[in-house]
Amino acid sequence: SASTDDEYNANWAGVVAQTDEGSITGVSASFTLPTVKKPTDGDQVNATDHTASTWIGIDGYSCGTGLWQAGVDGTIDESGTVSWYAWYEWYPGDTVEIDIGDLATGDVITVNVTASSTTEGVVTMSNAASGKSYSKTVTSTYELCLADAEWIEEDLVVDDAVNEGLANFGSVTFEDAIATTKTGTLSPGDDPIYMDVEDSDGNILTSSSASGNTVTVKYV
């Protein structure tokens, strides 16, 4: 049955699916790049840049040793210029840029992150608009627990929102969202742990929901 847990935190909005350690083998979804705007209120309104980071990943929730993730960031700067950055990261290792062509609002991105072991996996990402796709096998010394899968819209707030705040991203929907396990599949709507972003003033910035293989994150 669906849980009604909603965990308010500084960074993550979306859904975590949790299972037994050692079970997760992959996670995937498609999403449309949102329109990113500057916020009009809240404690992050005066940040230099505002970013909405849309990603999927394995671990990083109950597992503190590693997080294997990939996604796309949309950033609006002080002048109103929007830039896009596709990436993968085996946290706490470095972020690596993914080239899937020029990116723009409305592009449909499909991303898949798999783990063949606790220290090796494959990231694939494609952009339907450009027709470009990317795939890479990655190894890391940061061991995964293979216990969590997530579909996340992240607030990259740093230094108390002086440099980076959460962009108004409207709404982002992860379609065909699914995690694979050693015994089958896990859908985000099965038993979701909802994550939502709360700023340092106590303002709730997001509202997350899930049904079946769809996760929706709204900026509120």
Protein backbone atom coordinates (compact mmCIF):
# COMPACT_ATOMS: atom_id res chain seq x y z
CA SER A 1 0.00 0.00 0.00
CA ALA A 2 1.14 3.54 -0.65
CA SER A 3 2.70 5.31 2.30
CA THR A 4 2.04 8.94 3.11
CA ASP A 5 5.55 9.66 4.34
CA ASP A 6 6.79 13.08 3.25
CA GLU A 7 10.29 13.97 4.28
CA TYR A 8 11.07 17.68 4.15
CA ASN A 9 14.72 18.47 3.53
CA ALA A 10 17.00 21.10 2.00
CA ASN A 11 17.75 19.42 -1.31
CA TRP A 12 15.60 16.57 -2.67
CA ALA A 13 12.08 16.55 -4.06
CA GLY A 14 10.56 13.45 -5.63
CA VAL A 15 10.33 9.82 -4.68
CA VAL A 16 12.63 7.24 -3.12
CA ALA A 17 11.85 3.54 -3.51
CA GLN A 18 13.57 1.44 -0.88
CA THR A 19 14.18 -2.29 -0.79
CA ASP A 20 16.57 -4.83 0.69
CA GLU A 21 20.27 -4.04 0.49
CA GLY A 22 21.92 -5.66 -2.52
CA SER A 23 18.69 -5.78 -4.54
CA ILE A 24 18.68 -2.81 -6.94
CA THR A 25 20.20 -3.39 -10.38
CA GLY A 26 19.00 -0.32 -12.26
CA VAL A 27 16.72 2.70 -12.47
CA SER A 28 15.27 4.53 -15.46
CA ALA A 29 12.81 7.21 -16.55
CA SER A 30 12.03 9.78 -19.21
CA PHE A 31 11.36 13.45 -18.49
CA THR A 32 10.78 16.66 -20.40
CA LEU A 33 13.15 19.55 -19.71
CA PRO A 34 11.12 22.21 -17.88
CA THR A 35 10.92 25.97 -18.23
CA VAL A 36 13.19 27.42 -15.54
CA LYS A 37 12.45 30.82 -14.04
CA LYS A 38 13.72 32.85 -11.13
CA PRO A 39 11.67 32.51 -7.94
CA THR A 40 9.74 35.58 -6.80
CA ASP A 41 9.88 34.95 -3.05
CA GLY A 42 11.49 32.75 -0.40
CA ASP A 43 14.94 32.80 1.14
CA GLN A 44 16.67 31.79 -2.12
CA VAL A 45 15.30 34.65 -4.22
CA ASN A 46 18.56 36.63 -4.05
CA ALA A 47 20.85 33.80 -5.12
CA THR A 48 23.12 34.54 -8.10
CA ASP A 49 21.94 31.51 -10.09
CA HIS A 50 18.82 29.36 -9.84
CA THR A 51 18.93 25.73 -10.93
CA ALA A 52 16.52 22.83 -11.23
CA SER A 53 18.42 19.54 -11.31
CA THR A 54 16.40 16.60 -12.66
CA TRP A 55 17.97 13.19 -12.07
CA ILE A 56 17.55 9.52 -11.27
CA GLY A 57 19.86 7.47 -9.11
CA ILE A 58 20.74 4.46 -7.03
CA ASP A 59 21.39 4.90 -3.28
CA GLY A 60 22.23 8.06 -1.34
CA TYR A 61 19.10 7.88 0.82
CA SER A 62 19.61 5.07 3.32
CA CYS A 63 23.05 4.32 1.88
CA GLY A 64 25.69 6.88 2.79
CA THR A 65 28.71 5.41 1.04
CA GLY A 66 27.82 6.12 -2.58
CA LEU A 67 25.22 7.56 -4.95
CA TRP A 68 25.18 6.61 -8.65
CA GLN A 69 23.15 9.23 -10.51
CA ALA A 70 22.61 10.96 -13.85
CA GLY A 71 20.47 13.85 -14.99
CA VAL A 72 20.16 17.32 -16.48
CA ASP A 73 20.49 20.72 -14.79
CA GLY A 74 18.71 23.82 -16.04
CA THR A 75 20.15 27.09 -14.70
CA ILE A 76 18.95 30.68 -15.04
CA ASP A 77 21.56 33.32 -14.22
CA GLU A 78 21.22 36.90 -13.00
CA SER A 79 20.74 38.22 -16.54
CA GLY A 80 17.97 35.71 -17.26
CA THR A 81 20.06 33.49 -19.53
CA VAL A 82 19.19 29.78 -19.28
CA SER A 83 21.84 27.09 -19.71
CA TRP A 84 21.63 23.30 -19.64
CA TYR A 85 24.08 20.69 -18.40
CA ALA A 86 23.68 16.92 -18.73
CA TRP A 87 25.83 14.86 -16.38
CA TYR A 88 26.53 11.71 -14.44
CA GLU A 89 28.12 11.41 -11.02
CA TRP A 90 29.18 8.55 -8.79
CA TYR A 91 29.01 10.64 -5.64
CA PRO A 92 31.12 11.63 -3.79
CA GLY A 93 33.21 11.47 -6.97
CA ASP A 94 33.22 14.23 -9.57
CA THR A 95 30.40 15.24 -11.90
CA VAL A 96 31.12 14.39 -15.56
CA GLU A 97 29.42 16.13 -18.48
CA ILE A 98 27.33 14.05 -20.89
CA ASP A 99 27.09 15.19 -24.53
CA ILE A 100 23.64 14.55 -25.98
CA GLY A 101 23.58 17.62 -28.21
CA ASP A 102 22.16 21.07 -27.56
CA LEU A 103 19.49 21.04 -24.88
CA ALA A 104 16.35 23.18 -24.59
CA THR A 105 13.06 23.38 -22.73
CA GLY A 106 10.71 20.72 -24.11
CA ASP A 107 13.41 18.19 -24.99
CA VAL A 108 12.53 14.66 -23.90
CA ILE A 109 15.40 12.99 -22.08
CA THR A 110 15.56 9.26 -21.36
CA VAL A 111 18.08 8.10 -18.78
CA ASN A 112 19.04 4.71 -17.39
CA VAL A 113 21.55 3.96 -14.65
CA THR A 114 22.48 0.35 -13.93
CA ALA A 115 24.77 -1.32 -11.42
CA SER A 116 26.39 -4.65 -12.23
CA SER A 117 28.09 -4.60 -8.82
CA THR A 118 28.54 -2.21 -5.91
CA THR A 119 31.42 -0.50 -7.75
CA GLU A 120 30.56 -0.70 -11.46
CA GLY A 121 27.66 0.45 -13.59
CA VAL A 122 26.50 1.82 -16.92
CA VAL A 123 24.86 5.16 -17.64
CA THR A 124 22.87 5.72 -20.82
CA MET A 125 21.12 8.94 -21.76
CA SER A 126 19.37 10.03 -24.94
CA ASN A 127 17.79 13.23 -26.21
CA ALA A 128 14.82 12.65 -28.52
CA ALA A 129 15.13 16.18 -29.94
CA SER A 130 18.74 15.83 -31.09
CA GLY A 131 18.63 12.08 -31.70
CA LYS A 132 21.90 11.82 -29.77
CA SER A 133 22.58 9.18 -27.17
CA TYR A 134 25.42 8.48 -24.78
CA SER A 135 26.54 5.37 -22.93
CA LYS A 136 29.46 4.79 -20.60
CA THR A 137 30.64 2.12 -18.21
CA VAL A 138 31.82 3.68 -14.96
CA THR A 139 33.72 2.22 -12.03
CA SER A 140 34.09 3.72 -8.59
CA THR A 141 35.73 3.07 -5.24
CA TYR A 142 32.60 4.43 -3.50
CA GLU A 143 30.56 1.32 -2.82
CA LEU A 144 26.82 1.23 -3.37
CA CYS A 145 24.40 -0.57 -1.06
CA LEU A 146 21.96 -1.27 -3.94
CA ALA A 147 19.05 -0.50 -1.60
CA ASP A 148 17.47 2.73 -2.90
CA ALA A 149 16.22 4.00 -6.25
CA GLU A 150 15.15 7.60 -6.70
CA TRP A 151 13.58 10.07 -9.12
CA ILE A 152 14.55 13.52 -7.92
CA GLU A 153 14.26 17.24 -8.59
CA GLU A 154 17.12 18.75 -6.60
CA ASP A 155 17.69 22.15 -5.06
CA LEU A 156 21.46 22.62 -5.41
CA VAL A 157 21.45 25.30 -2.70
CA VAL A 158 24.94 26.01 -1.37
CA ASP A 159 26.33 28.54 1.11
CA ASP A 160 22.88 29.36 2.50
CA ALA A 161 21.48 30.19 -0.94
CA VAL A 162 23.92 33.04 -1.63
CA ASN A 163 25.20 31.48 -4.86
CA GLU A 164 22.66 28.88 -5.91
CA GLY A 165 18.91 28.64 -5.37
CA LEU A 166 16.08 26.48 -6.65
CA ALA A 167 14.63 27.67 -9.95
CA ASN A 168 10.88 27.80 -10.44
CA PHE A 169 10.63 24.73 -12.70
CA GLY A 170 6.83 24.61 -12.86
CA SER A 171 6.32 20.87 -12.95
CA VAL A 172 8.50 17.91 -13.90
CA THR A 173 7.08 14.45 -14.60
CA PHE A 174 9.17 11.29 -14.68
CA GLU A 175 7.43 8.90 -17.09
CA ASP A 176 8.14 5.16 -17.40
CA ALA A 177 9.87 5.43 -14.03
CA ILE A 178 10.98 2.01 -12.85
CA ALA A 179 13.72 0.31 -10.88
CA THR A 180 14.95 -3.17 -11.66
CA THR A 181 15.91 -5.57 -8.89
CA LYS A 182 17.48 -9.01 -8.78
CA THR A 183 14.00 -10.50 -8.44
CA GLY A 184 11.85 -8.20 -10.57
CA THR A 185 10.88 -4.54 -10.67
CA LEU A 186 10.00 -1.74 -8.30
CA SER A 187 7.67 1.10 -9.30
CA PRO A 188 7.81 4.50 -7.60
CA GLY A 189 4.09 4.30 -6.86
CA ASP A 190 4.37 0.97 -5.01
CA ASP A 191 5.41 2.27 -1.60
CA PRO A 192 6.80 5.76 -2.15
CA ILE A 193 8.89 7.74 0.28
CA TYR A 194 8.09 11.29 -0.75
CA MET A 195 10.78 13.94 -0.54
CA ASP A 196 10.05 17.68 -0.63
CA VAL A 197 12.24 20.76 -0.33
CA GLU A 198 11.93 23.15 2.59
CA ASP A 199 14.04 26.31 2.62
CA SER A 200 15.79 27.68 5.70
CA ASP A 201 12.81 29.94 6.45
CA GLY A 202 10.48 26.96 6.60
CA ASN A 203 8.84 27.58 3.21
CA ILE A 204 7.84 24.40 1.37
CA LEU A 205 9.04 24.76 -2.23
CA THR A 206 7.85 21.52 -3.84
CA SER A 207 5.02 18.99 -3.88
CA SER A 208 5.77 15.42 -4.97
CA SER A 209 3.40 12.63 -5.94
CA ALA A 210 3.59 9.19 -7.54
CA SER A 211 1.24 6.75 -9.19
CA GLY A 212 2.35 3.54 -10.87
CA ASN A 213 5.37 4.38 -13.02
CA THR A 214 4.89 8.15 -12.92
CA VAL A 215 6.46 10.64 -10.51
CA THR A 216 5.38 14.29 -10.57
CA VAL A 217 7.23 17.09 -8.80
CA LYS A 218 5.63 20.53 -8.72
CA TYR A 219 7.16 23.84 -7.73
CA VAL A 220 4.85 25.52 -5.25
